[in-house]
Amino acid sequence: GTREEIINRFQGETDKSFIYLSGENVEVNRGEDYGIVFGIINTNAQGQEPTTFTYRTELADNESEIRLLCGLDIQNVRSWVHFGDGSLVIESGSDDAVPSIPISIKVPEDAPLCTAHFKITIEKMNMRGIYDALNFTLNVTG
């Protein structure tokens, strides 16, 4: 299943997260829903306390870029992403602890044909800065 495929995508010990897409980009027709799944691995040594991670999905494009690409403002395009923000506790040091985290994209019927770039920012509790970041491109097709 998808969870096993996510675990298999972690290539080395330095990998902290992975996004599972069926292709290079997310291709969604207007009026359709699409699901993305990503995983986070807790790189603490096995046996250490579980750690809380937070994640948020935001547009990587700035306001002028998204207006040029989609003819809409950031808030409008960002509203297509559901369940894109959250937090979870992850056990340390084991592939068994890699969660499959779903994000839903719902493109409205009246959306323009466009391309938008998104970033999933992952932070680890009690750690300064960003733990990891994942990027994906959304293409609104027919």
N, C-alpha and C. Protein backbone atom coordinates (compact mmCIF):
# COMPACT_ATOMS: atom_id res chain seq x y z
N GLY A 1 0.81 -1.19 0.00
CA GLY A 1 0.00 0.00 0.00
C GLY A 1 0.85 1.25 0.00
N THR A 2 0.20 2.37 0.11
CA THR A 2 0.86 3.66 0.06
C THR A 2 1.85 3.82 1.20
N ARG A 3 1.49 3.39 2.40
CA ARG A 3 2.38 3.54 3.55
C ARG A 3 3.71 2.84 3.31
N GLU A 4 3.67 1.63 2.77
CA GLU A 4 4.90 0.89 2.48
C GLU A 4 5.72 1.61 1.42
N GLU A 5 5.03 2.18 0.42
CA GLU A 5 5.74 2.90 -0.63
C GLU A 5 6.43 4.13 -0.06
N ILE A 6 5.79 4.82 0.88
CA ILE A 6 6.42 5.97 1.52
C ILE A 6 7.67 5.52 2.27
N ILE A 7 7.56 4.46 3.06
CA ILE A 7 8.71 3.96 3.81
C ILE A 7 9.84 3.59 2.86
N ASN A 8 9.52 2.94 1.75
CA ASN A 8 10.54 2.54 0.79
C ASN A 8 11.21 3.72 0.10
N ARG A 9 10.55 4.87 0.08
CA ARG A 9 11.12 6.06 -0.57
C ARG A 9 12.19 6.73 0.28
N PHE A 10 12.24 6.44 1.58
CA PHE A 10 13.29 7.00 2.42
C PHE A 10 14.59 6.29 2.05
N GLN A 11 15.46 6.99 1.33
CA GLN A 11 16.65 6.36 0.76
C GLN A 11 17.78 6.18 1.77
N GLY A 12 17.98 7.16 2.62
CA GLY A 12 19.12 7.08 3.53
C GLY A 12 18.75 7.60 4.89
N GLU A 13 19.72 7.57 5.77
CA GLU A 13 19.46 7.99 7.13
C GLU A 13 19.27 9.49 7.25
N THR A 14 19.62 10.25 6.21
CA THR A 14 19.47 11.71 6.28
C THR A 14 18.09 12.16 5.81
N ASP A 15 17.32 11.28 5.20
CA ASP A 15 15.97 11.66 4.75
C ASP A 15 15.09 11.92 5.97
N LYS A 16 14.34 13.04 5.89
CA LYS A 16 13.47 13.40 7.00
C LYS A 16 12.00 13.35 6.61
N SER A 17 11.72 13.45 5.31
CA SER A 17 10.33 13.44 4.86
C SER A 17 10.28 13.06 3.39
N PHE A 18 9.08 12.69 2.96
CA PHE A 18 8.88 12.33 1.56
C PHE A 18 7.44 12.57 1.17
N ILE A 19 7.24 13.08 -0.04
CA ILE A 19 5.88 13.25 -0.56
C ILE A 19 5.66 12.18 -1.61
N TYR A 20 4.51 11.53 -1.56
CA TYR A 20 4.20 10.48 -2.51
C TYR A 20 3.20 11.01 -3.53
N LEU A 21 3.66 11.12 -4.77
CA LEU A 21 2.80 11.55 -5.88
C LEU A 21 2.86 10.49 -6.96
N SER A 22 1.77 10.35 -7.70
CA SER A 22 1.75 9.36 -8.78
C SER A 22 2.55 9.84 -9.99
N GLY A 23 2.78 11.13 -10.09
CA GLY A 23 3.57 11.69 -11.19
C GLY A 23 4.46 12.79 -10.64
N GLU A 24 5.06 13.56 -11.55
CA GLU A 24 5.94 14.63 -11.11
C GLU A 24 5.16 15.79 -10.50
N ASN A 25 3.98 16.04 -11.06
CA ASN A 25 3.13 17.12 -10.57
C ASN A 25 1.76 16.58 -10.19
N VAL A 26 1.00 17.40 -9.49
CA VAL A 26 -0.38 17.06 -9.15
C VAL A 26 -1.25 17.63 -10.27
N GLU A 27 -1.94 16.76 -10.99
CA GLU A 27 -2.81 17.17 -12.10
C GLU A 27 -4.26 16.99 -11.65
N VAL A 28 -5.00 18.09 -11.57
CA VAL A 28 -6.37 18.02 -11.09
C VAL A 28 -7.28 18.78 -12.05
N ASN A 29 -8.40 18.15 -12.40
CA ASN A 29 -9.41 18.83 -13.22
C ASN A 29 -10.27 19.71 -12.33
N ARG A 30 -10.83 20.75 -12.92
CA ARG A 30 -11.74 21.60 -12.17
C ARG A 30 -12.91 20.76 -11.65
N GLY A 31 -13.30 21.03 -10.42
CA GLY A 31 -14.41 20.30 -9.81
C GLY A 31 -14.02 18.97 -9.21
N GLU A 32 -12.74 18.61 -9.25
CA GLU A 32 -12.30 17.32 -8.73
C GLU A 32 -11.57 17.47 -7.40
N ASP A 33 -11.52 16.36 -6.66
CA ASP A 33 -10.74 16.26 -5.43
C ASP A 33 -9.52 15.40 -5.73
N TYR A 34 -8.43 15.68 -5.04
CA TYR A 34 -7.20 14.92 -5.23
C TYR A 34 -6.52 14.78 -3.87
N GLY A 35 -5.97 13.62 -3.60
CA GLY A 35 -5.29 13.39 -2.34
C GLY A 35 -3.80 13.24 -2.51
N ILE A 36 -3.07 13.88 -1.63
CA ILE A 36 -1.61 13.77 -1.56
C ILE A 36 -1.30 13.11 -0.22
N VAL A 37 -0.26 12.30 -0.19
CA VAL A 37 0.18 11.70 1.06
C VAL A 37 1.66 11.99 1.23
N PHE A 38 2.05 12.36 2.45
CA PHE A 38 3.47 12.52 2.73
C PHE A 38 3.80 11.87 4.06
N GLY A 39 5.08 11.66 4.28
CA GLY A 39 5.53 11.03 5.51
C GLY A 39 6.65 11.83 6.15
N ILE A 40 6.75 11.72 7.45
CA ILE A 40 7.82 12.35 8.22
C ILE A 40 8.50 11.26 9.02
N ILE A 41 9.82 11.25 9.04
CA ILE A 41 10.54 10.30 9.88
C ILE A 41 11.23 11.08 11.00
N ASN A 42 11.13 10.57 12.20
CA ASN A 42 11.78 11.17 13.36
C ASN A 42 13.20 10.63 13.38
N THR A 43 14.18 11.50 13.13
CA THR A 43 15.57 11.06 13.01
C THR A 43 16.27 10.90 14.36
N ASN A 44 15.55 11.10 15.47
CA ASN A 44 16.16 10.83 16.78
C ASN A 44 16.51 9.35 16.87
N ALA A 45 17.49 9.04 17.67
CA ALA A 45 17.89 7.64 17.85
C ALA A 45 16.74 6.83 18.43
N GLN A 46 16.66 5.58 18.00
CA GLN A 46 15.60 4.71 18.49
C GLN A 46 15.67 4.62 20.01
N GLY A 47 14.51 4.63 20.64
CA GLY A 47 14.44 4.56 22.09
C GLY A 47 14.28 5.91 22.76
N GLN A 48 14.55 7.01 22.02
CA GLN A 48 14.32 8.33 22.59
C GLN A 48 12.83 8.62 22.64
N GLU A 49 12.47 9.63 23.40
CA GLU A 49 11.06 9.99 23.55
C GLU A 49 10.45 10.36 22.19
N PRO A 50 9.16 10.08 21.99
CA PRO A 50 8.47 10.53 20.78
C PRO A 50 8.52 12.06 20.69
N THR A 51 8.44 12.59 19.49
CA THR A 51 8.56 14.02 19.26
C THR A 51 7.32 14.55 18.54
N THR A 52 6.92 15.75 18.90
CA THR A 52 5.80 16.41 18.21
C THR A 52 6.33 17.18 17.01
N PHE A 53 5.69 16.98 15.87
CA PHE A 53 5.99 17.71 14.64
C PHE A 53 4.76 18.48 14.22
N THR A 54 4.97 19.65 13.62
CA THR A 54 3.87 20.41 13.03
C THR A 54 4.17 20.57 11.55
N TYR A 55 3.13 20.72 10.76
CA TYR A 55 3.31 20.94 9.34
C TYR A 55 2.25 21.94 8.86
N ARG A 56 2.61 22.69 7.84
CA ARG A 56 1.66 23.61 7.23
C ARG A 56 1.93 23.66 5.73
N THR A 57 0.85 23.74 4.99
CA THR A 57 0.93 23.80 3.54
C THR A 57 0.62 25.23 3.11
N GLU A 58 1.51 25.81 2.35
CA GLU A 58 1.32 27.18 1.90
C GLU A 58 1.76 27.31 0.46
N LEU A 59 1.32 28.39 -0.15
CA LEU A 59 1.76 28.65 -1.51
C LEU A 59 3.22 29.08 -1.50
N ALA A 60 4.00 28.52 -2.40
CA ALA A 60 5.39 28.96 -2.57
C ALA A 60 5.44 30.20 -3.46
N ASP A 61 4.40 30.38 -4.27
CA ASP A 61 4.32 31.57 -5.13
C ASP A 61 3.93 32.78 -4.28
N ASN A 62 4.49 33.95 -4.61
CA ASN A 62 4.06 35.15 -3.91
C ASN A 62 2.79 35.71 -4.58
N GLU A 63 2.26 36.78 -4.02
CA GLU A 63 0.98 37.34 -4.49
C GLU A 63 1.02 37.70 -5.98
N SER A 64 2.08 38.36 -6.42
CA SER A 64 2.13 38.77 -7.84
C SER A 64 2.30 37.55 -8.75
N GLU A 65 3.07 36.55 -8.30
CA GLU A 65 3.25 35.34 -9.11
C GLU A 65 1.94 34.58 -9.25
N ILE A 66 1.19 34.43 -8.16
CA ILE A 66 -0.05 33.64 -8.24
C ILE A 66 -1.10 34.40 -9.06
N ARG A 67 -1.10 35.72 -8.99
CA ARG A 67 -2.02 36.50 -9.84
C ARG A 67 -1.68 36.30 -11.30
N LEU A 68 -0.40 36.25 -11.62
CA LEU A 68 0.04 36.03 -12.99
C LEU A 68 -0.28 34.60 -13.44
N LEU A 69 -0.03 33.61 -12.58
CA LEU A 69 -0.24 32.20 -12.93
C LEU A 69 -1.71 31.81 -12.97
N CYS A 70 -2.51 32.33 -12.03
CA CYS A 70 -3.89 31.87 -11.87
C CYS A 70 -4.94 32.98 -11.97
N GLY A 71 -4.52 34.22 -11.91
CA GLY A 71 -5.48 35.31 -11.93
C GLY A 71 -6.28 35.42 -10.64
N LEU A 72 -5.78 34.83 -9.56
CA LEU A 72 -6.47 34.82 -8.27
C LEU A 72 -5.49 35.26 -7.19
N ASP A 73 -6.03 35.58 -5.99
CA ASP A 73 -5.14 35.93 -4.89
C ASP A 73 -4.72 34.67 -4.12
N ILE A 74 -3.74 34.85 -3.26
CA ILE A 74 -3.17 33.72 -2.51
C ILE A 74 -4.23 33.01 -1.68
N GLN A 75 -5.07 33.76 -0.97
CA GLN A 75 -6.07 33.14 -0.10
C GLN A 75 -7.03 32.26 -0.89
N ASN A 76 -7.40 32.69 -2.09
CA ASN A 76 -8.31 31.92 -2.91
C ASN A 76 -7.69 30.57 -3.29
N VAL A 77 -6.48 30.59 -3.81
CA VAL A 77 -5.81 29.35 -4.25
C VAL A 77 -5.47 28.48 -3.03
N ARG A 78 -5.04 29.09 -1.93
CA ARG A 78 -4.72 28.32 -0.72
C ARG A 78 -5.96 27.60 -0.17
N SER A 79 -7.14 28.17 -0.41
CA SER A 79 -8.38 27.56 0.10
C SER A 79 -8.70 26.24 -0.59
N TRP A 80 -8.03 25.92 -1.67
CA TRP A 80 -8.24 24.64 -2.35
C TRP A 80 -7.63 23.48 -1.55
N VAL A 81 -6.70 23.77 -0.64
CA VAL A 81 -6.01 22.74 0.15
C VAL A 81 -6.73 22.55 1.48
N HIS A 82 -7.09 21.30 1.77
CA HIS A 82 -7.77 20.96 3.02
C HIS A 82 -6.91 19.98 3.81
N PHE A 83 -6.94 20.10 5.11
CA PHE A 83 -6.15 19.25 6.01
C PHE A 83 -4.65 19.42 5.76
N GLY A 84 -4.25 20.62 5.33
CA GLY A 84 -2.85 20.87 5.00
C GLY A 84 -2.01 21.33 6.16
N ASP A 85 -2.64 21.56 7.32
CA ASP A 85 -1.92 22.00 8.50
C ASP A 85 -2.25 21.05 9.65
N GLY A 86 -1.29 20.80 10.50
CA GLY A 86 -1.58 19.94 11.64
C GLY A 86 -0.35 19.65 12.46
N SER A 87 -0.53 18.79 13.45
CA SER A 87 0.59 18.34 14.27
C SER A 87 0.37 16.88 14.64
N LEU A 88 1.44 16.19 14.93
CA LEU A 88 1.36 14.79 15.32
C LEU A 88 2.61 14.40 16.08
N VAL A 89 2.48 13.36 16.87
CA VAL A 89 3.59 12.82 17.64
C VAL A 89 4.12 11.60 16.90
N ILE A 90 5.45 11.56 16.71
CA ILE A 90 6.06 10.47 15.95
C ILE A 90 7.13 9.80 16.82
N GLU A 91 7.07 8.47 16.88
CA GLU A 91 8.09 7.68 17.58
C GLU A 91 9.44 7.89 16.89
N SER A 92 10.51 7.61 17.59
CA SER A 92 11.84 7.84 17.03
C SER A 92 12.47 6.58 16.45
N GLY A 93 13.25 6.78 15.39
CA GLY A 93 14.18 5.79 14.89
C GLY A 93 13.65 4.50 14.31
N SER A 94 12.42 4.48 13.82
CA SER A 94 11.89 3.22 13.28
C SER A 94 11.01 3.49 12.06
N ASP A 95 11.16 2.66 11.03
CA ASP A 95 10.29 2.78 9.86
C ASP A 95 8.83 2.56 10.23
N ASP A 96 8.60 1.76 11.28
CA ASP A 96 7.22 1.50 11.71
C ASP A 96 6.53 2.77 12.19
N ALA A 97 7.34 3.78 12.52
CA ALA A 97 6.79 5.01 13.08
C ALA A 97 6.52 6.07 12.00
N VAL A 98 6.73 5.75 10.73
CA VAL A 98 6.52 6.74 9.67
C VAL A 98 5.03 6.82 9.37
N PRO A 99 4.40 7.95 9.71
CA PRO A 99 2.96 8.07 9.44
C PRO A 99 2.69 8.46 7.99
N SER A 100 1.54 8.06 7.49
CA SER A 100 1.05 8.53 6.19
C SER A 100 0.10 9.68 6.47
N ILE A 101 0.48 10.89 6.04
CA ILE A 101 -0.30 12.08 6.36
C ILE A 101 -1.01 12.55 5.08
N PRO A 102 -2.34 12.54 5.09
CA PRO A 102 -3.08 12.93 3.88
C PRO A 102 -3.36 14.43 3.83
N ILE A 103 -3.31 14.96 2.62
CA ILE A 103 -3.74 16.34 2.34
C ILE A 103 -4.71 16.25 1.17
N SER A 104 -5.80 16.97 1.26
CA SER A 104 -6.82 16.95 0.21
C SER A 104 -6.79 18.26 -0.57
N ILE A 105 -6.88 18.15 -1.88
CA ILE A 105 -6.98 19.33 -2.75
C ILE A 105 -8.32 19.26 -3.45
N LYS A 106 -9.12 20.31 -3.29
CA LYS A 106 -10.44 20.39 -3.92
C LYS A 106 -10.48 21.63 -4.79
N VAL A 107 -10.40 21.41 -6.10
CA VAL A 107 -10.39 22.52 -7.04
C VAL A 107 -11.83 22.83 -7.45
N PRO A 108 -12.27 24.08 -7.26
CA PRO A 108 -13.65 24.42 -7.60
C PRO A 108 -13.92 24.36 -9.10
N GLU A 109 -15.20 24.18 -9.44
CA GLU A 109 -15.62 24.10 -10.85
C GLU A 109 -15.22 25.36 -11.64
N ASP A 110 -15.25 26.51 -10.96
CA ASP A 110 -14.99 27.77 -11.66
C ASP A 110 -13.53 28.21 -11.59
N ALA A 111 -12.64 27.32 -11.15
CA ALA A 111 -11.22 27.66 -11.07
C ALA A 111 -10.65 27.84 -12.47
N PRO A 112 -9.71 28.77 -12.62
CA PRO A 112 -9.06 28.91 -13.93
C PRO A 112 -8.05 27.78 -14.16
N LEU A 113 -7.74 27.53 -15.42
CA LEU A 113 -6.65 26.61 -15.73
C LEU A 113 -5.38 27.34 -15.31
N CYS A 114 -4.60 26.73 -14.42
CA CYS A 114 -3.40 27.42 -13.95
C CYS A 114 -2.45 26.45 -13.28
N THR A 115 -1.28 26.97 -12.90
CA THR A 115 -0.26 26.21 -12.20
C THR A 115 0.10 26.97 -10.93
N ALA A 116 0.13 26.27 -9.81
CA ALA A 116 0.51 26.88 -8.54
C ALA A 116 1.53 25.99 -7.84
N HIS A 117 2.45 26.60 -7.15
CA HIS A 117 3.52 25.87 -6.46
C HIS A 117 3.28 25.95 -4.96
N PHE A 118 3.30 24.78 -4.31
CA PHE A 118 3.04 24.69 -2.87
C PHE A 118 4.25 24.17 -2.13
N LYS A 119 4.31 24.49 -0.85
CA LYS A 119 5.39 24.01 0.02
C LYS A 119 4.77 23.52 1.32
N ILE A 120 5.18 22.32 1.75
CA ILE A 120 4.79 21.79 3.05
C ILE A 120 5.99 21.99 3.97
N THR A 121 5.84 22.86 4.95
CA THR A 121 6.92 23.15 5.89
C THR A 121 6.71 22.32 7.16
N ILE A 122 7.76 21.61 7.56
CA ILE A 122 7.69 20.72 8.72
C ILE A 122 8.61 21.27 9.80
N GLU A 123 8.07 21.39 11.00
CA GLU A 123 8.87 21.85 12.14
C GLU A 123 8.81 20.80 13.25
N LYS A 124 9.89 20.74 14.00
CA LYS A 124 10.03 19.77 15.09
C LYS A 124 10.02 20.54 16.41
N MET A 125 9.21 20.10 17.35
CA MET A 125 9.13 20.79 18.64
C MET A 125 10.50 20.86 19.29
N ASN A 126 10.79 21.99 19.91
CA ASN A 126 12.06 22.23 20.61
C ASN A 126 13.27 22.25 19.68
N MET A 127 13.05 22.52 18.40
CA MET A 127 14.15 22.66 17.45
C MET A 127 13.96 23.99 16.73
N ARG A 128 15.01 24.76 16.65
CA ARG A 128 14.91 26.03 15.93
C ARG A 128 14.95 25.79 14.44
N GLY A 129 14.19 26.59 13.71
CA GLY A 129 14.23 26.51 12.26
C GLY A 129 13.33 25.42 11.71
N ILE A 130 13.46 25.19 10.43
CA ILE A 130 12.62 24.23 9.72
C ILE A 130 13.29 22.86 9.74
N TYR A 131 12.52 21.84 10.10
CA TYR A 131 13.02 20.46 10.11
C TYR A 131 13.20 19.97 8.68
N ASP A 132 12.20 20.22 7.84
CA ASP A 132 12.28 19.83 6.43
C ASP A 132 11.17 20.55 5.67
N ALA A 133 11.26 20.55 4.36
CA ALA A 133 10.22 21.14 3.52
C ALA A 133 10.06 20.29 2.26
N LEU A 134 8.83 20.15 1.84
CA LEU A 134 8.49 19.39 0.63
C LEU A 134 7.78 20.33 -0.34
N ASN A 135 8.01 20.14 -1.61
CA ASN A 135 7.38 20.99 -2.62
C ASN A 135 6.57 20.15 -3.59
N PHE A 136 5.47 20.73 -4.05
CA PHE A 136 4.74 20.10 -5.15
C PHE A 136 4.10 21.17 -6.01
N THR A 137 3.87 20.83 -7.26
CA THR A 137 3.26 21.73 -8.23
C THR A 137 1.87 21.22 -8.55
N LEU A 138 0.89 22.11 -8.47
CA LEU A 138 -0.50 21.78 -8.80
C LEU A 138 -0.81 22.37 -10.17
N ASN A 139 -1.22 21.50 -11.08
CA ASN A 139 -1.68 21.96 -12.40
C ASN A 139 -3.18 21.73 -12.48
N VAL A 140 -3.94 22.81 -12.62
CA VAL A 140 -5.38 22.69 -12.84
C VAL A 140 -5.55 22.52 -14.33
N THR A 141 -6.03 21.36 -14.73
CA THR A 141 -6.16 21.02 -16.15
C THR A 141 -7.59 21.26 -16.61
N GLY A 142 -8.25 20.31 -17.21
CA GLY A 142 -9.55 20.54 -17.80
C GLY A 142 -10.69 20.81 -16.86
